[in-house]
């Protein structure tokens, strides 16, 4: 099994995502989960190519791999 650090750096194409997900990711210029985690949520939803089906697939993948916590804001990094 691949560890969390390596999993988030794997290209989406190697992780079994759908073609629709891969297409949207390419438009958004996001190649890995690590790339997604670098983008503020408010900026992510504004990216060309973003859609909620894409987000749902990402959330399902992270949940299935017990990595959903990665989407939580870091302490002291909340821009509210």
PDB file of N, CA and C in Angstrom:
ATOM      1  N   UNK A   1       0.847  -1.196   0.000  1.00  0.00           N
ATOM      2  CA  UNK A   1       0.000   0.000   0.000  1.00  0.00           C
ATOM      3  C   UNK A   1       0.882   1.246   0.000  1.00  0.00           C
ATOM      4  N   UNK A   2       0.476   2.220  -0.767  1.00  0.00           N
ATOM      5  CA  UNK A   2       1.223   3.466  -0.883  1.00  0.00           C
ATOM      6  C   UNK A   2       0.893   4.368   0.301  1.00  0.00           C
ATOM      7  N   UNK A   3       1.896   5.046   0.845  1.00  0.00           N
ATOM      8  CA  UNK A   3       1.634   5.905   1.999  1.00  0.00           C
ATOM      9  C   UNK A   3       1.018   7.239   1.568  1.00  0.00           C
ATOM     10  N   UNK A   4       0.480   7.930   2.551  1.00  0.00           N
ATOM     11  CA  UNK A   4      -0.252   9.184   2.291  1.00  0.00           C
ATOM     12  C   UNK A   4       0.602  10.196   1.540  1.00  0.00           C
ATOM     13  N   UNK A   5       1.839  10.380   1.973  1.00  0.00           N
ATOM     14  CA  UNK A   5       2.726  11.374   1.359  1.00  0.00           C
ATOM     15  C   UNK A   5       2.927  11.092  -0.127  1.00  0.00           C
ATOM     16  N   UNK A   6       3.113   9.830  -0.483  1.00  0.00           N
ATOM     17  CA  UNK A   6       3.310   9.469  -1.888  1.00  0.00           C
ATOM     18  C   UNK A   6       2.004   9.467  -2.666  1.00  0.00           C
ATOM     19  N   UNK A   7       0.923   9.077  -2.014  1.00  0.00           N
ATOM     20  CA  UNK A   7      -0.370   9.017  -2.696  1.00  0.00           C
ATOM     21  C   UNK A   7      -0.794  10.398  -3.190  1.00  0.00           C
ATOM     22  N   UNK A   8      -0.609  11.414  -2.371  1.00  0.00           N
ATOM     23  CA  UNK A   8      -1.051  12.755  -2.765  1.00  0.00           C
ATOM     24  C   UNK A   8      -0.192  13.346  -3.882  1.00  0.00           C
ATOM     25  N   UNK A   9       0.954  12.735  -4.135  1.00  0.00           N
ATOM     26  CA  UNK A   9       1.838  13.216  -5.206  1.00  0.00           C
ATOM     27  C   UNK A   9       1.716  12.395  -6.492  1.00  0.00           C
ATOM     28  N   UNK A  10       0.893  11.355  -6.475  1.00  0.00           N
ATOM     29  CA  UNK A  10       0.684  10.532  -7.667  1.00  0.00           C
ATOM     30  C   UNK A  10      -0.202  11.287  -8.659  1.00  0.00           C
ATOM     31  N   UNK A  11       0.109  11.221  -9.936  1.00  0.00           N
ATOM     32  CA  UNK A  11      -0.781  11.842 -10.925  1.00  0.00           C
ATOM     33  C   UNK A  11      -2.179  11.229 -10.842  1.00  0.00           C
ATOM     34  N   UNK A  12      -3.184  12.069 -11.028  1.00  0.00           N
ATOM     35  CA  UNK A  12      -4.564  11.577 -10.983  1.00  0.00           C
ATOM     36  C   UNK A  12      -4.778  10.387 -11.904  1.00  0.00           C
ATOM     37  N   UNK A  13      -4.149  10.398 -13.070  1.00  0.00           N
ATOM     38  CA  UNK A  13      -4.338   9.322 -14.048  1.00  0.00           C
ATOM     39  C   UNK A  13      -3.928   7.961 -13.490  1.00  0.00           C
ATOM     40  N   UNK A  14      -3.038   7.935 -12.530  1.00  0.00           N
ATOM     41  CA  UNK A  14      -2.587   6.669 -11.926  1.00  0.00           C
ATOM     42  C   UNK A  14      -3.474   6.211 -10.780  1.00  0.00           C
ATOM     43  N   UNK A  15      -4.407   7.059 -10.381  1.00  0.00           N
ATOM     44  CA  UNK A  15      -5.209   6.760  -9.192  1.00  0.00           C
ATOM     45  C   UNK A  15      -6.612   6.248  -9.503  1.00  0.00           C
ATOM     46  N   UNK A  16      -6.928   6.078 -10.759  1.00  0.00           N
ATOM     47  CA  UNK A  16      -8.216   5.496 -11.122  1.00  0.00           C
ATOM     48  C   UNK A  16      -9.373   6.465 -11.222  1.00  0.00           C
ATOM     49  N   UNK A  17      -9.098   7.743 -11.363  1.00  0.00           N
ATOM     50  CA  UNK A  17     -10.167   8.717 -11.527  1.00  0.00           C
ATOM     51  C   UNK A  17     -10.790   8.585 -12.920  1.00  0.00           C
ATOM     52  N   UNK A  18     -12.027   9.060 -13.053  1.00  0.00           N
ATOM     53  CA  UNK A  18     -12.744   8.970 -14.334  1.00  0.00           C
ATOM     54  C   UNK A  18     -12.149   9.930 -15.359  1.00  0.00           C
ATOM     55  N   UNK A  19     -12.491   9.692 -16.611  1.00  0.00           N
ATOM     56  CA  UNK A  19     -12.027  10.571 -17.681  1.00  0.00           C
ATOM     57  C   UNK A  19     -12.572  11.987 -17.507  1.00  0.00           C
ATOM     58  N   UNK A  20     -13.807  12.116 -17.046  1.00  0.00           N
ATOM     59  CA  UNK A  20     -14.373  13.453 -16.800  1.00  0.00           C
ATOM     60  C   UNK A  20     -13.572  14.191 -15.729  1.00  0.00           C
ATOM     61  N   UNK A  21     -13.198  13.475 -14.676  1.00  0.00           N
ATOM     62  CA  UNK A  21     -12.390  14.058 -13.614  1.00  0.00           C
ATOM     63  C   UNK A  21     -11.044  14.505 -14.161  1.00  0.00           C
ATOM     64  N   UNK A  22     -10.413  13.625 -14.938  1.00  0.00           N
ATOM     65  CA  UNK A  22      -9.097  13.938 -15.500  1.00  0.00           C
ATOM     66  C   UNK A  22      -9.159  15.140 -16.435  1.00  0.00           C
ATOM     67  N   UNK A  23     -10.222  15.217 -17.225  1.00  0.00           N
ATOM     68  CA  UNK A  23     -10.389  16.343 -18.154  1.00  0.00           C
ATOM     69  C   UNK A  23     -10.530  17.656 -17.383  1.00  0.00           C
ATOM     70  N   UNK A  24     -11.388  17.669 -16.371  1.00  0.00           N
ATOM     71  CA  UNK A  24     -11.583  18.874 -15.563  1.00  0.00           C
ATOM     72  C   UNK A  24     -10.289  19.256 -14.845  1.00  0.00           C
ATOM     73  N   UNK A  25      -9.574  18.270 -14.332  1.00  0.00           N
ATOM     74  CA  UNK A  25      -8.314  18.529 -13.637  1.00  0.00           C
ATOM     75  C   UNK A  25      -7.301  19.173 -14.575  1.00  0.00           C
ATOM     76  N   UNK A  26      -7.258  18.684 -15.791  1.00  0.00           N
ATOM     77  CA  UNK A  26      -6.329  19.237 -16.778  1.00  0.00           C
ATOM     78  C   UNK A  26      -6.659  20.697 -17.073  1.00  0.00           C
ATOM     79  N   UNK A  27      -7.941  20.998 -17.242  1.00  0.00           N
ATOM     80  CA  UNK A  27      -8.367  22.383 -17.493  1.00  0.00           C
ATOM     81  C   UNK A  27      -7.968  23.278 -16.314  1.00  0.00           C
ATOM     82  N   UNK A  28      -8.096  22.744 -15.094  1.00  0.00           N
ATOM     83  CA  UNK A  28      -7.753  23.515 -13.895  1.00  0.00           C
ATOM     84  C   UNK A  28      -6.250  23.518 -13.612  1.00  0.00           C
ATOM     85  N   UNK A  29      -5.497  22.764 -14.402  1.00  0.00           N
ATOM     86  CA  UNK A  29      -4.041  22.634 -14.223  1.00  0.00           C
ATOM     87  C   UNK A  29      -3.688  22.047 -12.874  1.00  0.00           C
ATOM     88  N   UNK A  30      -4.432  21.020 -12.497  1.00  0.00           N
ATOM     89  CA  UNK A  30      -4.193  20.283 -11.268  1.00  0.00           C
ATOM     90  C   UNK A  30      -3.876  18.841 -11.647  1.00  0.00           C
ATOM     91  N   UNK A  31      -2.699  18.380 -11.278  1.00  0.00           N
ATOM     92  CA  UNK A  31      -2.274  17.038 -11.668  1.00  0.00           C
ATOM     93  C   UNK A  31      -2.289  16.032 -10.532  1.00  0.00           C
ATOM     94  N   UNK A  32      -2.271  16.519  -9.298  1.00  0.00           N
ATOM     95  CA  UNK A  32      -2.193  15.641  -8.132  1.00  0.00           C
ATOM     96  C   UNK A  32      -3.070  16.184  -7.007  1.00  0.00           C
ATOM     97  N   UNK A  33      -3.299  15.351  -6.016  1.00  0.00           N
ATOM     98  CA  UNK A  33      -4.027  15.806  -4.832  1.00  0.00           C
ATOM     99  C   UNK A  33      -3.229  16.911  -4.140  1.00  0.00           C
ATOM    100  N   UNK A  34      -1.910  16.783  -4.127  1.00  0.00           N
ATOM    101  CA  UNK A  34      -1.066  17.819  -3.526  1.00  0.00           C
ATOM    102  C   UNK A  34      -1.299  19.171  -4.201  1.00  0.00           C
ATOM    103  N   UNK A  35      -1.486  19.164  -5.520  1.00  0.00           N
ATOM    104  CA  UNK A  35      -1.785  20.413  -6.236  1.00  0.00           C
ATOM    105  C   UNK A  35      -3.095  21.014  -5.740  1.00  0.00           C
ATOM    106  N   UNK A  36      -4.098  20.180  -5.545  1.00  0.00           N
ATOM    107  CA  UNK A  36      -5.412  20.653  -5.081  1.00  0.00           C
ATOM    108  C   UNK A  36      -5.276  21.267  -3.690  1.00  0.00           C
ATOM    109  N   UNK A  37      -4.506  20.628  -2.829  1.00  0.00           N
ATOM    110  CA  UNK A  37      -4.381  21.082  -1.452  1.00  0.00           C
ATOM    111  C   UNK A  37      -3.687  22.435  -1.334  1.00  0.00           C
ATOM    112  N   UNK A  38      -2.978  22.845  -2.366  1.00  0.00           N
ATOM    113  CA  UNK A  38      -2.294  24.144  -2.367  1.00  0.00           C
ATOM    114  C   UNK A  38      -3.242  25.296  -2.721  1.00  0.00           C
ATOM    115  N   UNK A  39      -4.432  24.971  -3.212  1.00  0.00           N
ATOM    116  CA  UNK A  39      -5.382  25.982  -3.666  1.00  0.00           C
ATOM    117  C   UNK A  39      -6.421  26.242  -2.578  1.00  0.00           C
ATOM    118  N   UNK A  40      -6.632  27.501  -2.277  1.00  0.00           N
ATOM    119  CA  UNK A  40      -7.678  27.870  -1.312  1.00  0.00           C
ATOM    120  C   UNK A  40      -9.035  27.439  -1.871  1.00  0.00           C
ATOM    121  N   UNK A  41      -9.946  26.920  -1.032  1.00  0.00           N
ATOM    122  CA  UNK A  41     -11.247  26.474  -1.515  1.00  0.00           C
ATOM    123  C   UNK A  41     -11.997  27.527  -2.328  1.00  0.00           C
ATOM    124  N   UNK A  42     -11.959  28.784  -1.894  1.00  0.00           N
ATOM    125  CA  UNK A  42     -12.666  29.840  -2.617  1.00  0.00           C
ATOM    126  C   UNK A  42     -12.081  30.017  -4.018  1.00  0.00           C
ATOM    127  N   UNK A  43     -10.785  29.798  -4.168  1.00  0.00           N
ATOM    128  CA  UNK A  43     -10.143  29.907  -5.471  1.00  0.00           C
ATOM    129  C   UNK A  43     -10.403  28.664  -6.318  1.00  0.00           C
ATOM    130  N   UNK A  44     -10.511  27.529  -5.662  1.00  0.00           N
ATOM    131  CA  UNK A  44     -10.752  26.271  -6.386  1.00  0.00           C
ATOM    132  C   UNK A  44     -12.091  26.308  -7.117  1.00  0.00           C
ATOM    133  N   UNK A  45     -13.133  26.737  -6.432  1.00  0.00           N
ATOM    134  CA  UNK A  45     -14.460  26.754  -7.058  1.00  0.00           C
ATOM    135  C   UNK A  45     -14.554  27.787  -8.172  1.00  0.00           C
ATOM    136  N   UNK A  46     -13.652  28.750  -8.182  1.00  0.00           N
ATOM    137  CA  UNK A  46     -13.632  29.760  -9.237  1.00  0.00           C
ATOM    138  C   UNK A  46     -12.782  29.365 -10.445  1.00  0.00           C
ATOM    139  N   UNK A  47     -12.062  28.249 -10.342  1.00  0.00           N
ATOM    140  CA  UNK A  47     -11.203  27.832 -11.457  1.00  0.00           C
ATOM    141  C   UNK A  47     -12.041  27.393 -12.650  1.00  0.00           C
ATOM    142  N   UNK A  48     -11.585  27.768 -13.836  1.00  0.00           N
ATOM    143  CA  UNK A  48     -12.218  27.275 -15.052  1.00  0.00           C
ATOM    144  C   UNK A  48     -12.078  25.754 -15.065  1.00  0.00           C
ATOM    145  N   UNK A  49     -13.168  25.055 -15.328  1.00  0.00           N
ATOM    146  CA  UNK A  49     -13.155  23.595 -15.352  1.00  0.00           C
ATOM    147  C   UNK A  49     -13.714  22.968 -14.088  1.00  0.00           C
ATOM    148  N   UNK A  50     -13.783  23.758 -12.985  1.00  0.00           N
ATOM    149  CA  UNK A  50     -14.317  23.219 -11.736  1.00  0.00           C
ATOM    150  C   UNK A  50     -15.790  22.884 -11.892  1.00  0.00           C
ATOM    151  N   UNK A  51     -16.198  21.749 -11.304  1.00  0.00           N
ATOM    152  CA  UNK A  51     -17.615  21.426 -11.175  1.00  0.00           C
ATOM    153  C   UNK A  51     -17.781  20.549  -9.940  1.00  0.00           C
ATOM    154  N   UNK A  52     -18.995  20.486  -9.445  1.00  0.00           N
ATOM    155  CA  UNK A  52     -19.223  19.772  -8.191  1.00  0.00           C
ATOM    156  C   UNK A  52     -19.168  18.261  -8.356  1.00  0.00           C
ATOM    157  N   UNK A  53     -19.343  17.751  -9.556  1.00  0.00           N
ATOM    158  CA  UNK A  53     -19.129  16.318  -9.779  1.00  0.00           C
ATOM    159  C   UNK A  53     -17.654  15.982  -9.592  1.00  0.00           C
ATOM    160  N   UNK A  54     -16.777  16.860 -10.079  1.00  0.00           N
ATOM    161  CA  UNK A  54     -15.336  16.689  -9.900  1.00  0.00           C
ATOM    162  C   UNK A  54     -15.008  16.673  -8.405  1.00  0.00           C
ATOM    163  N   UNK A  55     -15.550  17.647  -7.667  1.00  0.00           N
ATOM    164  CA  UNK A  55     -15.306  17.719  -6.234  1.00  0.00           C
ATOM    165  C   UNK A  55     -15.831  16.476  -5.525  1.00  0.00           C
ATOM    166  N   UNK A  56     -17.014  16.020  -5.912  1.00  0.00           N
ATOM    167  CA  UNK A  56     -17.586  14.823  -5.308  1.00  0.00           C
ATOM    168  C   UNK A  56     -16.711  13.603  -5.523  1.00  0.00           C
ATOM    169  N   UNK A  57     -16.145  13.478  -6.715  1.00  0.00           N
ATOM    170  CA  UNK A  57     -15.261  12.342  -6.992  1.00  0.00           C
ATOM    171  C   UNK A  57     -13.988  12.433  -6.149  1.00  0.00           C
ATOM    172  N   UNK A  58     -13.457  13.633  -6.003  1.00  0.00           N
ATOM    173  CA  UNK A  58     -12.273  13.818  -5.173  1.00  0.00           C
ATOM    174  C   UNK A  58     -12.575  13.483  -3.715  1.00  0.00           C
ATOM    175  N   UNK A  59     -13.688  13.985  -3.206  1.00  0.00           N
ATOM    176  CA  UNK A  59     -14.075  13.724  -1.815  1.00  0.00           C
ATOM    177  C   UNK A  59     -14.281  12.225  -1.592  1.00  0.00           C
ATOM    178  N   UNK A  60     -14.927  11.543  -2.517  1.00  0.00           N
ATOM    179  CA  UNK A  60     -15.139  10.090  -2.391  1.00  0.00           C
ATOM    180  C   UNK A  60     -13.796   9.365  -2.350  1.00  0.00           C
ATOM    181  N   UNK A  61     -12.881   9.729  -3.235  1.00  0.00           N
ATOM    182  CA  UNK A  61     -11.565   9.099  -3.257  1.00  0.00           C
ATOM    183  C   UNK A  61     -10.855   9.302  -1.918  1.00  0.00           C
ATOM    184  N   UNK A  62     -10.839  10.541  -1.444  1.00  0.00           N
ATOM    185  CA  UNK A  62     -10.168  10.826  -0.176  1.00  0.00           C
ATOM    186  C   UNK A  62     -10.829  10.091   0.977  1.00  0.00           C
ATOM    187  N   UNK A  63     -12.145  10.040   0.984  1.00  0.00           N
ATOM    188  CA  UNK A  63     -12.863   9.323   2.034  1.00  0.00           C
ATOM    189  C   UNK A  63     -12.557   7.824   1.977  1.00  0.00           C
ATOM    190  N   UNK A  64     -12.584   7.255   0.778  1.00  0.00           N
ATOM    191  CA  UNK A  64     -12.307   5.825   0.610  1.00  0.00           C
ATOM    192  C   UNK A  64     -10.899   5.452   1.063  1.00  0.00           C
ATOM    193  N   UNK A  65      -9.976   6.398   0.968  1.00  0.00           N
ATOM    194  CA  UNK A  65      -8.588   6.150   1.359  1.00  0.00           C
ATOM    195  C   UNK A  65      -8.251   6.742   2.734  1.00  0.00           C
ATOM    196  N   UNK A  66      -9.308   7.115   3.478  1.00  0.00           N
ATOM    197  CA  UNK A  66      -9.177   7.673   4.822  1.00  0.00           C
ATOM    198  C   UNK A  66      -8.253   8.890   4.853  1.00  0.00           C
ATOM    199  N   UNK A  67      -8.413   9.740   3.837  1.00  0.00           N
ATOM    200  CA  UNK A  67      -7.603  10.953   3.714  1.00  0.00           C
ATOM    201  C   UNK A  67      -8.458  12.221   3.672  1.00  0.00           C
ATOM    202  N   UNK A  68      -9.729  12.092   3.991  1.00  0.00           N
ATOM    203  CA  UNK A  68     -10.634  13.233   3.905  1.00  0.00           C
ATOM    204  C   UNK A  68     -10.169  14.386   4.801  1.00  0.00           C
ATOM    205  N   UNK A  69      -9.440  14.074   5.846  1.00  0.00           N
ATOM    206  CA  UNK A  69      -8.923  15.106   6.750  1.00  0.00           C
ATOM    207  C   UNK A  69      -8.008  16.097   6.035  1.00  0.00           C
ATOM    208  N   UNK A  70      -7.468  15.708   4.896  1.00  0.00           N
ATOM    209  CA  UNK A  70      -6.586  16.606   4.152  1.00  0.00           C
ATOM    210  C   UNK A  70      -7.301  17.860   3.659  1.00  0.00           C
ATOM    211  N   UNK A  71      -8.615  17.792   3.531  1.00  0.00           N
ATOM    212  CA  UNK A  71      -9.380  18.954   3.078  1.00  0.00           C
ATOM    213  C   UNK A  71      -9.695  19.932   4.204  1.00  0.00           C
ATOM    214  N   UNK A  72      -9.408  19.558   5.433  1.00  0.00           N
ATOM    215  CA  UNK A  72      -9.645  20.448   6.567  1.00  0.00           C
ATOM    216  C   UNK A  72      -8.624  21.572   6.548  1.00  0.00           C
ATOM    217  N   UNK A  73      -9.046  22.788   6.870  1.00  0.00           N
ATOM    218  CA  UNK A  73      -8.080  23.899   6.923  1.00  0.00           C
ATOM    219  C   UNK A  73      -7.053  23.653   8.029  1.00  0.00           C
ATOM    220  N   UNK A  74      -5.843  24.080   7.785  1.00  0.00           N
ATOM    221  CA  UNK A  74      -4.801  23.962   8.793  1.00  0.00           C
ATOM    222  C   UNK A  74      -5.046  24.973   9.900  1.00  0.00           C
ATOM    223  N   UNK A  75      -4.724  24.637  11.167  1.00  0.00           N
ATOM    224  CA  UNK A  75      -4.884  25.604  12.262  1.00  0.00           C
ATOM    225  C   UNK A  75      -4.127  26.893  11.932  1.00  0.00           C
ATOM    226  N   UNK A  76      -4.787  28.009  12.136  1.00  0.00           N
ATOM    227  CA  UNK A  76      -4.158  29.297  11.874  1.00  0.00           C
ATOM    228  C   UNK A  76      -4.141  29.677  10.401  1.00  0.00           C
ATOM    229  N   UNK A  77      -4.742  28.841   9.569  1.00  0.00           N
ATOM    230  CA  UNK A  77      -4.738  29.092   8.139  1.00  0.00           C
ATOM    231  C   UNK A  77      -6.167  29.319   7.635  1.00  0.00           C
ATOM    232  N   UNK A  78      -7.065  29.649   8.529  1.00  0.00           N
ATOM    233  CA  UNK A  78      -8.448  29.892   8.171  1.00  0.00           C
ATOM    234  C   UNK A  78      -8.607  31.375   7.868  1.00  0.00           C
ATOM    235  N   UNK A  79      -9.090  31.689   6.685  1.00  0.00           N
ATOM    236  CA  UNK A  79      -9.169  33.080   6.237  1.00  0.00           C
ATOM    237  C   UNK A  79     -10.531  33.716   6.500  1.00  0.00           C
ATOM    238  N   UNK A  80     -11.272  33.209   7.460  1.00  0.00           N
ATOM    239  CA  UNK A  80     -12.582  33.793   7.788  1.00  0.00           C
ATOM    240  C   UNK A  80     -12.432  35.125   8.470  1.00  0.00           C
TER     241      UNK A  80
END
